[in-house]
Amino acid sequence: MTTETSKKEPLEAKETKEITFRCKYCGQNKPLSEMRRITRFFPVLIACRDCERKIG
């Protein structure tokens, strides 16, 4: 009777998907890096970089 040791192959790293958010003002899906907090207003507004320029 032989005992076989199973070698587990390392799992390949899955590609991570980029996190995207929908801008409340223009409705476009933008990556997290393009989202901005506008702290001039209360409550704080979250908008994409393009809408931040238009609002402020």
PDB file of N, CA and C in Angstrom:
ATOM      1  N   MET A   1       0.856  -1.164   0.000  1.00  0.00           N
ATOM      2  CA  MET A   1       0.000   0.000   0.000  1.00  0.00           C
ATOM      3  C   MET A   1       0.906   1.231   0.000  1.00  0.00           C
ATOM      4  N   THR A   2       0.686   2.096  -0.946  1.00  0.00           N
ATOM      5  CA  THR A   2       1.503   3.303  -1.018  1.00  0.00           C
ATOM      6  C   THR A   2       0.673   4.508  -0.642  1.00  0.00           C
ATOM      7  N   THR A   3       1.328   5.426  -0.017  1.00  0.00           N
ATOM      8  CA  THR A   3       0.658   6.660   0.376  1.00  0.00           C
ATOM      9  C   THR A   3       1.128   7.769  -0.546  1.00  0.00           C
ATOM     10  N   GLU A   4       0.189   8.337  -1.243  1.00  0.00           N
ATOM     11  CA  GLU A   4       0.532   9.436  -2.136  1.00  0.00           C
ATOM     12  C   GLU A   4       0.260  10.755  -1.428  1.00  0.00           C
ATOM     13  N   THR A   5       1.241  11.608  -1.488  1.00  0.00           N
ATOM     14  CA  THR A   5       1.016  12.935  -0.917  1.00  0.00           C
ATOM     15  C   THR A   5       0.580  13.852  -2.045  1.00  0.00           C
ATOM     16  N   SER A   6      -0.492  14.478  -1.831  1.00  0.00           N
ATOM     17  CA  SER A   6      -0.994  15.369  -2.880  1.00  0.00           C
ATOM     18  C   SER A   6      -0.353  16.738  -2.711  1.00  0.00           C
ATOM     19  N   LYS A   7       0.202  17.210  -3.786  1.00  0.00           N
ATOM     20  CA  LYS A   7       0.808  18.534  -3.770  1.00  0.00           C
ATOM     21  C   LYS A   7      -0.234  19.527  -4.270  1.00  0.00           C
ATOM     22  N   LYS A   8      -0.498  20.474  -3.444  1.00  0.00           N
ATOM     23  CA  LYS A   8      -1.470  21.492  -3.841  1.00  0.00           C
ATOM     24  C   LYS A   8      -0.756  22.562  -4.642  1.00  0.00           C
ATOM     25  N   GLU A   9      -1.294  22.827  -5.802  1.00  0.00           N
ATOM     26  CA  GLU A   9      -0.719  23.880  -6.630  1.00  0.00           C
ATOM     27  C   GLU A   9      -1.177  25.228  -6.081  1.00  0.00           C
ATOM     28  N   PRO A  10      -0.265  26.162  -6.022  1.00  0.00           N
ATOM     29  CA  PRO A  10      -0.686  27.482  -5.519  1.00  0.00           C
ATOM     30  C   PRO A  10      -1.734  28.092  -6.440  1.00  0.00           C
ATOM     31  N   LEU A  11      -2.726  28.669  -5.828  1.00  0.00           N
ATOM     32  CA  LEU A  11      -3.792  29.303  -6.601  1.00  0.00           C
ATOM     33  C   LEU A  11      -3.259  30.583  -7.226  1.00  0.00           C
ATOM     34  N   GLU A  12      -3.624  30.798  -8.464  1.00  0.00           N
ATOM     35  CA  GLU A  12      -3.210  32.023  -9.132  1.00  0.00           C
ATOM     36  C   GLU A  12      -3.997  33.186  -8.554  1.00  0.00           C
ATOM     37  N   ALA A  13      -3.325  34.282  -8.411  1.00  0.00           N
ATOM     38  CA  ALA A  13      -3.988  35.474  -7.876  1.00  0.00           C
ATOM     39  C   ALA A  13      -5.045  35.944  -8.870  1.00  0.00           C
ATOM     40  N   LYS A  14      -6.231  36.127  -8.369  1.00  0.00           N
ATOM     41  CA  LYS A  14      -7.312  36.605  -9.224  1.00  0.00           C
ATOM     42  C   LYS A  14      -7.124  38.092  -9.458  1.00  0.00           C
ATOM     43  N   GLU A  15      -7.482  38.516 -10.643  1.00  0.00           N
ATOM     44  CA  GLU A  15      -7.399  39.941 -10.930  1.00  0.00           C
ATOM     45  C   GLU A  15      -8.475  40.652 -10.120  1.00  0.00           C
ATOM     46  N   THR A  16      -8.071  41.696  -9.455  1.00  0.00           N
ATOM     47  CA  THR A  16      -9.042  42.439  -8.669  1.00  0.00           C
ATOM     48  C   THR A  16      -9.758  43.434  -9.562  1.00  0.00           C
ATOM     49  N   LYS A  17     -11.025  43.547  -9.333  1.00  0.00           N
ATOM     50  CA  LYS A  17     -11.812  44.498 -10.111  1.00  0.00           C
ATOM     51  C   LYS A  17     -11.678  45.874  -9.472  1.00  0.00           C
ATOM     52  N   GLU A  18     -11.674  46.883 -10.298  1.00  0.00           N
ATOM     53  CA  GLU A  18     -11.582  48.241  -9.798  1.00  0.00           C
ATOM     54  C   GLU A  18     -12.919  48.629  -9.187  1.00  0.00           C
ATOM     55  N   ILE A  19     -12.862  49.254  -8.036  1.00  0.00           N
ATOM     56  CA  ILE A  19     -14.081  49.686  -7.356  1.00  0.00           C
ATOM     57  C   ILE A  19     -14.611  50.928  -8.057  1.00  0.00           C
ATOM     58  N   THR A  20     -15.872  50.876  -8.428  1.00  0.00           N
ATOM     59  CA  THR A  20     -16.477  52.022  -9.102  1.00  0.00           C
ATOM     60  C   THR A  20     -17.710  52.480  -8.331  1.00  0.00           C
ATOM     61  N   PHE A  21     -17.978  53.756  -8.429  1.00  0.00           N
ATOM     62  CA  PHE A  21     -19.150  54.351  -7.809  1.00  0.00           C
ATOM     63  C   PHE A  21     -19.891  55.168  -8.848  1.00  0.00           C
ATOM     64  N   ARG A  22     -21.187  55.297  -8.660  1.00  0.00           N
ATOM     65  CA  ARG A  22     -21.997  56.121  -9.556  1.00  0.00           C
ATOM     66  C   ARG A  22     -22.113  57.508  -8.929  1.00  0.00           C
ATOM     67  N   CYS A  23     -21.725  58.507  -9.697  1.00  0.00           N
ATOM     68  CA  CYS A  23     -21.819  59.890  -9.227  1.00  0.00           C
ATOM     69  C   CYS A  23     -23.295  60.273  -9.127  1.00  0.00           C
ATOM     70  N   LYS A  24     -23.655  60.880  -8.015  1.00  0.00           N
ATOM     71  CA  LYS A  24     -25.045  61.253  -7.783  1.00  0.00           C
ATOM     72  C   LYS A  24     -25.500  62.370  -8.718  1.00  0.00           C
ATOM     73  N   TYR A  25     -24.572  63.155  -9.234  1.00  0.00           N
ATOM     74  CA  TYR A  25     -24.927  64.337 -10.007  1.00  0.00           C
ATOM     75  C   TYR A  25     -24.937  64.098 -11.512  1.00  0.00           C
ATOM     76  N   CYS A  26     -23.944  63.374 -12.044  1.00  0.00           N
ATOM     77  CA  CYS A  26     -23.916  63.146 -13.494  1.00  0.00           C
ATOM     78  C   CYS A  26     -24.382  61.739 -13.861  1.00  0.00           C
ATOM     79  N   GLY A  27     -24.433  60.819 -12.889  1.00  0.00           N
ATOM     80  CA  GLY A  27     -24.928  59.476 -13.137  1.00  0.00           C
ATOM     81  C   GLY A  27     -23.937  58.536 -13.796  1.00  0.00           C
ATOM     82  N   GLN A  28     -22.686  58.954 -13.971  1.00  0.00           N
ATOM     83  CA  GLN A  28     -21.684  58.103 -14.606  1.00  0.00           C
ATOM     84  C   GLN A  28     -20.962  57.266 -13.559  1.00  0.00           C
ATOM     85  N   ASN A  29     -20.559  56.052 -13.953  1.00  0.00           N
ATOM     86  CA  ASN A  29     -19.752  55.210 -13.084  1.00  0.00           C
ATOM     87  C   ASN A  29     -18.306  55.660 -13.180  1.00  0.00           C
ATOM     88  N   LYS A  30     -17.711  55.961 -12.036  1.00  0.00           N
ATOM     89  CA  LYS A  30     -16.337  56.460 -11.980  1.00  0.00           C
ATOM     90  C   LYS A  30     -15.544  55.610 -10.993  1.00  0.00           C
ATOM     91  N   PRO A  31     -14.238  55.464 -11.216  1.00  0.00           N
ATOM     92  CA  PRO A  31     -13.416  54.734 -10.246  1.00  0.00           C
ATOM     93  C   PRO A  31     -13.295  55.527  -8.943  1.00  0.00           C
ATOM     94  N   LEU A  32     -12.974  54.825  -7.893  1.00  0.00           N
ATOM     95  CA  LEU A  32     -12.875  55.442  -6.570  1.00  0.00           C
ATOM     96  C   LEU A  32     -11.866  56.584  -6.555  1.00  0.00           C
ATOM     97  N   SER A  33     -10.810  56.473  -7.343  1.00  0.00           N
ATOM     98  CA  SER A  33      -9.773  57.507  -7.350  1.00  0.00           C
ATOM     99  C   SER A  33     -10.277  58.841  -7.902  1.00  0.00           C
ATOM    100  N   GLU A  34     -11.375  58.837  -8.639  1.00  0.00           N
ATOM    101  CA  GLU A  34     -11.918  60.084  -9.195  1.00  0.00           C
ATOM    102  C   GLU A  34     -13.026  60.687  -8.341  1.00  0.00           C
ATOM    103  N   MET A  35     -13.404  60.021  -7.265  1.00  0.00           N
ATOM    104  CA  MET A  35     -14.456  60.548  -6.407  1.00  0.00           C
ATOM    105  C   MET A  35     -13.854  61.512  -5.394  1.00  0.00           C
ATOM    106  N   ARG A  36     -14.557  62.597  -5.123  1.00  0.00           N
ATOM    107  CA  ARG A  36     -14.076  63.641  -4.221  1.00  0.00           C
ATOM    108  C   ARG A  36     -15.124  63.956  -3.163  1.00  0.00           C
ATOM    109  N   ARG A  37     -14.643  64.339  -1.972  1.00  0.00           N
ATOM    110  CA  ARG A  37     -15.526  64.826  -0.913  1.00  0.00           C
ATOM    111  C   ARG A  37     -15.518  66.339  -0.972  1.00  0.00           C
ATOM    112  N   ILE A  38     -16.680  66.920  -0.994  1.00  0.00           N
ATOM    113  CA  ILE A  38     -16.791  68.378  -1.020  1.00  0.00           C
ATOM    114  C   ILE A  38     -17.224  68.799   0.378  1.00  0.00           C
ATOM    115  N   THR A  39     -16.268  69.300   1.151  1.00  0.00           N
ATOM    116  CA  THR A  39     -16.528  69.595   2.562  1.00  0.00           C
ATOM    117  C   THR A  39     -16.990  71.026   2.793  1.00  0.00           C
ATOM    118  N   ARG A  40     -17.125  71.809   1.730  1.00  0.00           N
ATOM    119  CA  ARG A  40     -17.616  73.185   1.884  1.00  0.00           C
ATOM    120  C   ARG A  40     -19.086  73.205   2.287  1.00  0.00           C
ATOM    121  N   PHE A  41     -19.775  72.114   2.035  1.00  0.00           N
ATOM    122  CA  PHE A  41     -21.203  72.033   2.306  1.00  0.00           C
ATOM    123  C   PHE A  41     -21.456  71.085   3.469  1.00  0.00           C
ATOM    124  N   PHE A  42     -22.594  71.270   4.126  1.00  0.00           N
ATOM    125  CA  PHE A  42     -23.011  70.345   5.170  1.00  0.00           C
ATOM    126  C   PHE A  42     -24.399  69.856   4.829  1.00  0.00           C
ATOM    127  N   PRO A  43     -24.640  68.589   4.782  1.00  0.00           N
ATOM    128  CA  PRO A  43     -23.689  67.482   4.940  1.00  0.00           C
ATOM    129  C   PRO A  43     -22.709  67.428   3.773  1.00  0.00           C
ATOM    130  N   VAL A  44     -21.620  66.732   3.995  1.00  0.00           N
ATOM    131  CA  VAL A  44     -20.555  66.623   2.998  1.00  0.00           C
ATOM    132  C   VAL A  44     -21.101  65.964   1.736  1.00  0.00           C
ATOM    133  N   LEU A  45     -20.754  66.513   0.574  1.00  0.00           N
ATOM    134  CA  LEU A  45     -21.193  65.965  -0.709  1.00  0.00           C
ATOM    135  C   LEU A  45     -20.108  65.062  -1.277  1.00  0.00           C
ATOM    136  N   ILE A  46     -20.510  63.990  -1.920  1.00  0.00           N
ATOM    137  CA  ILE A  46     -19.594  63.103  -2.624  1.00  0.00           C
ATOM    138  C   ILE A  46     -19.921  63.227  -4.103  1.00  0.00           C
ATOM    139  N   ALA A  47     -18.925  63.592  -4.894  1.00  0.00           N
ATOM    140  CA  ALA A  47     -19.136  63.776  -6.331  1.00  0.00           C
ATOM    141  C   ALA A  47     -17.862  63.393  -7.066  1.00  0.00           C
ATOM    142  N   CYS A  48     -17.986  63.198  -8.371  1.00  0.00           N
ATOM    143  CA  CYS A  48     -16.801  62.897  -9.171  1.00  0.00           C
ATOM    144  C   CYS A  48     -15.999  64.182  -9.378  1.00  0.00           C
ATOM    145  N   ARG A  49     -14.808  64.041  -9.864  1.00  0.00           N
ATOM    146  CA  ARG A  49     -13.904  65.180 -10.054  1.00  0.00           C
ATOM    147  C   ARG A  49     -14.507  66.228 -10.980  1.00  0.00           C
ATOM    148  N   ASP A  50     -15.175  65.785 -12.049  1.00  0.00           N
ATOM    149  CA  ASP A  50     -15.773  66.723 -13.001  1.00  0.00           C
ATOM    150  C   ASP A  50     -16.904  67.524 -12.361  1.00  0.00           C
ATOM    151  N   CYS A  51     -17.765  66.844 -11.620  1.00  0.00           N
ATOM    152  CA  CYS A  51     -18.886  67.536 -10.981  1.00  0.00           C
ATOM    153  C   CYS A  51     -18.407  68.438  -9.850  1.00  0.00           C
ATOM    154  N   GLU A  52     -17.302  68.084  -9.205  1.00  0.00           N
ATOM    155  CA  GLU A  52     -16.754  68.939  -8.148  1.00  0.00           C
ATOM    156  C   GLU A  52     -16.404  70.308  -8.714  1.00  0.00           C
ATOM    157  N   ARG A  53     -15.821  70.325  -9.901  1.00  0.00           N
ATOM    158  CA  ARG A  53     -15.467  71.600 -10.536  1.00  0.00           C
ATOM    159  C   ARG A  53     -16.719  72.409 -10.862  1.00  0.00           C
ATOM    160  N   LYS A  54     -17.773  71.725 -11.319  1.00  0.00           N
ATOM    161  CA  LYS A  54     -19.011  72.416 -11.685  1.00  0.00           C
ATOM    162  C   LYS A  54     -19.737  72.963 -10.456  1.00  0.00           C
ATOM    163  N   ILE A  55     -19.706  72.208  -9.356  1.00  0.00           N
ATOM    164  CA  ILE A  55     -20.410  72.616  -8.138  1.00  0.00           C
ATOM    165  C   ILE A  55     -19.683  73.765  -7.449  1.00  0.00           C
ATOM    166  N   GLY A  56     -18.375  73.676  -7.386  1.00  0.00           N
ATOM    167  CA  GLY A  56     -17.606  74.624  -6.581  1.00  0.00           C
ATOM    168  C   GLY A  56     -17.111  75.742  -7.341  1.00  0.00           C
TER     169      GLY A  56
END
